[in-house]
Amino acid sequence: MASKLSDEERQALEAELDQLREEHRDLDAAIDALIHLGGADQVQIQRLKKRKLVLRDRLAFLEDLLFPDIIA
């Protein structure tokens, strides 16, 4: 499938991948900060963790699309 992607599609997917990785890192930092502050809103932390899981799933999908496992 990756070989069927045009250069423009590949660049767009790689840009999305970079943006999602950055957002994932930012969420991780935000979650850590809220946890270490103590008394943080647990509902907010759970929402951030859920968003982080959604991002992880999308990252895995894009990585599989761009860099498929080739079984030799």
N, C-alpha and C. Protein backbone atom coordinates (compact mmCIF):
# COMPACT_ATOMS: atom_id res chain seq x y z
N MET A 1 0.82 -1.19 0.00
CA MET A 1 0.00 0.00 0.00
C MET A 1 0.87 1.26 0.00
N ALA A 2 1.95 1.25 0.76
CA ALA A 2 2.80 2.43 0.84
C ALA A 2 3.37 2.81 -0.51
N SER A 3 3.66 1.81 -1.36
CA SER A 3 4.22 2.11 -2.67
C SER A 3 3.17 2.74 -3.58
N LYS A 4 1.89 2.63 -3.24
CA LYS A 4 0.83 3.20 -4.05
C LYS A 4 0.56 4.66 -3.71
N LEU A 5 1.20 5.16 -2.66
CA LEU A 5 1.00 6.55 -2.26
C LEU A 5 1.79 7.49 -3.17
N SER A 6 1.15 8.58 -3.54
CA SER A 6 1.88 9.58 -4.32
C SER A 6 2.81 10.34 -3.37
N ASP A 7 3.73 11.10 -3.94
CA ASP A 7 4.64 11.89 -3.11
C ASP A 7 3.88 12.89 -2.25
N GLU A 8 2.84 13.50 -2.81
CA GLU A 8 2.05 14.47 -2.06
C GLU A 8 1.32 13.80 -0.90
N GLU A 9 0.75 12.62 -1.15
CA GLU A 9 0.06 11.89 -0.09
C GLU A 9 1.02 11.49 1.01
N ARG A 10 2.18 11.00 0.62
CA ARG A 10 3.18 10.58 1.59
C ARG A 10 3.63 11.77 2.45
N GLN A 11 3.86 12.92 1.82
CA GLN A 11 4.27 14.11 2.56
C GLN A 11 3.18 14.57 3.51
N ALA A 12 1.92 14.51 3.07
CA ALA A 12 0.81 14.91 3.93
C ALA A 12 0.69 13.99 5.13
N LEU A 13 0.84 12.68 4.90
CA LEU A 13 0.76 11.72 6.00
C LEU A 13 1.93 11.88 6.96
N GLU A 14 3.11 12.13 6.44
CA GLU A 14 4.28 12.34 7.31
C GLU A 14 4.13 13.62 8.13
N ALA A 15 3.54 14.66 7.53
CA ALA A 15 3.30 15.91 8.27
C ALA A 15 2.28 15.67 9.38
N GLU A 16 1.23 14.91 9.07
CA GLU A 16 0.24 14.59 10.10
C GLU A 16 0.87 13.76 11.21
N LEU A 17 1.73 12.83 10.83
CA LEU A 17 2.42 11.99 11.81
C LEU A 17 3.27 12.84 12.75
N ASP A 18 4.00 13.79 12.20
CA ASP A 18 4.83 14.68 13.03
C ASP A 18 3.97 15.51 13.97
N GLN A 19 2.85 16.03 13.45
CA GLN A 19 1.97 16.86 14.27
C GLN A 19 1.36 16.03 15.39
N LEU A 20 0.95 14.81 15.10
CA LEU A 20 0.35 13.94 16.11
C LEU A 20 1.37 13.53 17.17
N ARG A 21 2.60 13.28 16.76
CA ARG A 21 3.65 12.95 17.73
C ARG A 21 3.89 14.11 18.69
N GLU A 22 3.89 15.32 18.15
CA GLU A 22 4.09 16.50 18.99
C GLU A 22 2.93 16.67 19.96
N GLU A 23 1.70 16.49 19.47
CA GLU A 23 0.54 16.61 20.34
C GLU A 23 0.56 15.53 21.43
N HIS A 24 1.00 14.33 21.07
CA HIS A 24 1.09 13.23 22.03
C HIS A 24 2.09 13.57 23.14
N ARG A 25 3.24 14.13 22.75
CA ARG A 25 4.25 14.55 23.74
C ARG A 25 3.71 15.66 24.64
N ASP A 26 3.00 16.61 24.03
CA ASP A 26 2.43 17.71 24.80
C ASP A 26 1.40 17.21 25.81
N LEU A 27 0.56 16.26 25.38
CA LEU A 27 -0.42 15.69 26.30
C LEU A 27 0.26 14.96 27.44
N ASP A 28 1.32 14.24 27.13
CA ASP A 28 2.07 13.52 28.15
C ASP A 28 2.61 14.50 29.19
N ALA A 29 3.16 15.61 28.73
CA ALA A 29 3.70 16.62 29.64
C ALA A 29 2.58 17.26 30.46
N ALA A 30 1.45 17.52 29.84
CA ALA A 30 0.32 18.12 30.55
C ALA A 30 -0.22 17.18 31.62
N ILE A 31 -0.33 15.90 31.29
CA ILE A 31 -0.81 14.91 32.26
C ILE A 31 0.16 14.83 33.44
N ASP A 32 1.44 14.75 33.15
CA ASP A 32 2.44 14.69 34.22
C ASP A 32 2.37 15.92 35.12
N ALA A 33 2.21 17.09 34.50
CA ALA A 33 2.14 18.33 35.28
C ALA A 33 0.90 18.33 36.18
N LEU A 34 -0.23 17.91 35.65
CA LEU A 34 -1.45 17.88 36.45
C LEU A 34 -1.35 16.88 37.60
N ILE A 35 -0.74 15.75 37.35
CA ILE A 35 -0.60 14.73 38.38
C ILE A 35 0.32 15.24 39.50
N HIS A 36 1.42 15.89 39.12
CA HIS A 36 2.39 16.35 40.10
C HIS A 36 1.92 17.58 40.87
N LEU A 37 0.93 18.29 40.34
CA LEU A 37 0.40 19.44 41.06
C LEU A 37 -0.39 19.00 42.29
N GLY A 38 -0.92 17.80 42.22
CA GLY A 38 -1.73 17.31 43.34
C GLY A 38 -3.09 17.99 43.36
N GLY A 39 -4.08 17.24 43.70
CA GLY A 39 -5.42 17.80 43.76
C GLY A 39 -5.97 18.17 42.39
N ALA A 40 -5.36 17.65 41.35
CA ALA A 40 -5.81 17.96 40.01
C ALA A 40 -7.14 17.26 39.73
N ASP A 41 -7.89 17.81 38.82
CA ASP A 41 -9.18 17.27 38.43
C ASP A 41 -8.98 15.92 37.73
N GLN A 42 -9.43 14.85 38.36
CA GLN A 42 -9.24 13.51 37.81
C GLN A 42 -10.00 13.31 36.50
N VAL A 43 -11.14 13.98 36.35
CA VAL A 43 -11.90 13.88 35.11
C VAL A 43 -11.10 14.48 33.96
N GLN A 44 -10.46 15.60 34.22
CA GLN A 44 -9.65 16.23 33.18
C GLN A 44 -8.46 15.34 32.81
N ILE A 45 -7.83 14.75 33.80
CA ILE A 45 -6.70 13.86 33.53
C ILE A 45 -7.17 12.66 32.70
N GLN A 46 -8.32 12.09 33.04
CA GLN A 46 -8.84 10.95 32.28
C GLN A 46 -9.15 11.34 30.84
N ARG A 47 -9.69 12.54 30.65
CA ARG A 47 -9.97 13.00 29.27
C ARG A 47 -8.68 13.14 28.47
N LEU A 48 -7.66 13.68 29.10
CA LEU A 48 -6.37 13.83 28.41
C LEU A 48 -5.78 12.46 28.08
N LYS A 49 -5.90 11.52 29.01
CA LYS A 49 -5.38 10.18 28.76
C LYS A 49 -6.14 9.50 27.63
N LYS A 50 -7.45 9.71 27.58
CA LYS A 50 -8.26 9.12 26.51
C LYS A 50 -7.86 9.72 25.16
N ARG A 51 -7.65 11.04 25.12
CA ARG A 51 -7.21 11.69 23.88
C ARG A 51 -5.84 11.15 23.45
N LYS A 52 -4.99 10.92 24.44
CA LYS A 52 -3.66 10.37 24.15
C LYS A 52 -3.76 8.98 23.52
N LEU A 53 -4.69 8.16 24.00
CA LEU A 53 -4.90 6.83 23.42
C LEU A 53 -5.41 6.92 21.98
N VAL A 54 -6.30 7.86 21.73
CA VAL A 54 -6.81 8.06 20.36
C VAL A 54 -5.65 8.45 19.44
N LEU A 55 -4.80 9.34 19.93
CA LEU A 55 -3.63 9.75 19.14
C LEU A 55 -2.70 8.58 18.88
N ARG A 56 -2.49 7.75 19.91
CA ARG A 56 -1.61 6.59 19.74
C ARG A 56 -2.15 5.65 18.67
N ASP A 57 -3.45 5.44 18.66
CA ASP A 57 -4.05 4.58 17.64
C ASP A 57 -3.86 5.16 16.24
N ARG A 58 -4.07 6.46 16.10
CA ARG A 58 -3.89 7.10 14.80
C ARG A 58 -2.42 7.07 14.38
N LEU A 59 -1.52 7.28 15.33
CA LEU A 59 -0.09 7.19 15.03
C LEU A 59 0.27 5.80 14.52
N ALA A 60 -0.23 4.78 15.18
CA ALA A 60 0.06 3.40 14.76
C ALA A 60 -0.48 3.14 13.37
N PHE A 61 -1.68 3.64 13.08
CA PHE A 61 -2.27 3.45 11.76
C PHE A 61 -1.42 4.11 10.68
N LEU A 62 -1.02 5.36 10.93
CA LEU A 62 -0.22 6.09 9.95
C LEU A 62 1.16 5.44 9.76
N GLU A 63 1.76 5.01 10.86
CA GLU A 63 3.07 4.36 10.76
C GLU A 63 2.97 3.06 9.96
N ASP A 64 1.91 2.30 10.17
CA ASP A 64 1.71 1.07 9.39
C ASP A 64 1.48 1.38 7.92
N LEU A 65 0.79 2.46 7.65
CA LEU A 65 0.51 2.86 6.27
C LEU A 65 1.79 3.31 5.57
N LEU A 66 2.59 4.08 6.27
CA LEU A 66 3.80 4.63 5.66
C LEU A 66 4.97 3.64 5.68
N PHE A 67 5.06 2.84 6.73
CA PHE A 67 6.20 1.94 6.90
C PHE A 67 5.69 0.52 7.20
N PRO A 68 5.13 -0.13 6.18
CA PRO A 68 4.57 -1.47 6.45
C PRO A 68 5.66 -2.50 6.78
N ASP A 69 5.27 -3.46 7.59
CA ASP A 69 6.17 -4.57 7.88
C ASP A 69 6.27 -5.43 6.63
N ILE A 70 7.48 -5.68 6.21
CA ILE A 70 7.69 -6.52 5.05
C ILE A 70 8.24 -7.84 5.53
N ILE A 71 7.45 -8.87 5.34
CA ILE A 71 7.88 -10.20 5.75
C ILE A 71 8.64 -10.82 4.59
N ALA A 72 9.90 -11.14 4.84
CA ALA A 72 10.75 -11.68 3.77
C ALA A 72 10.65 -13.18 3.71
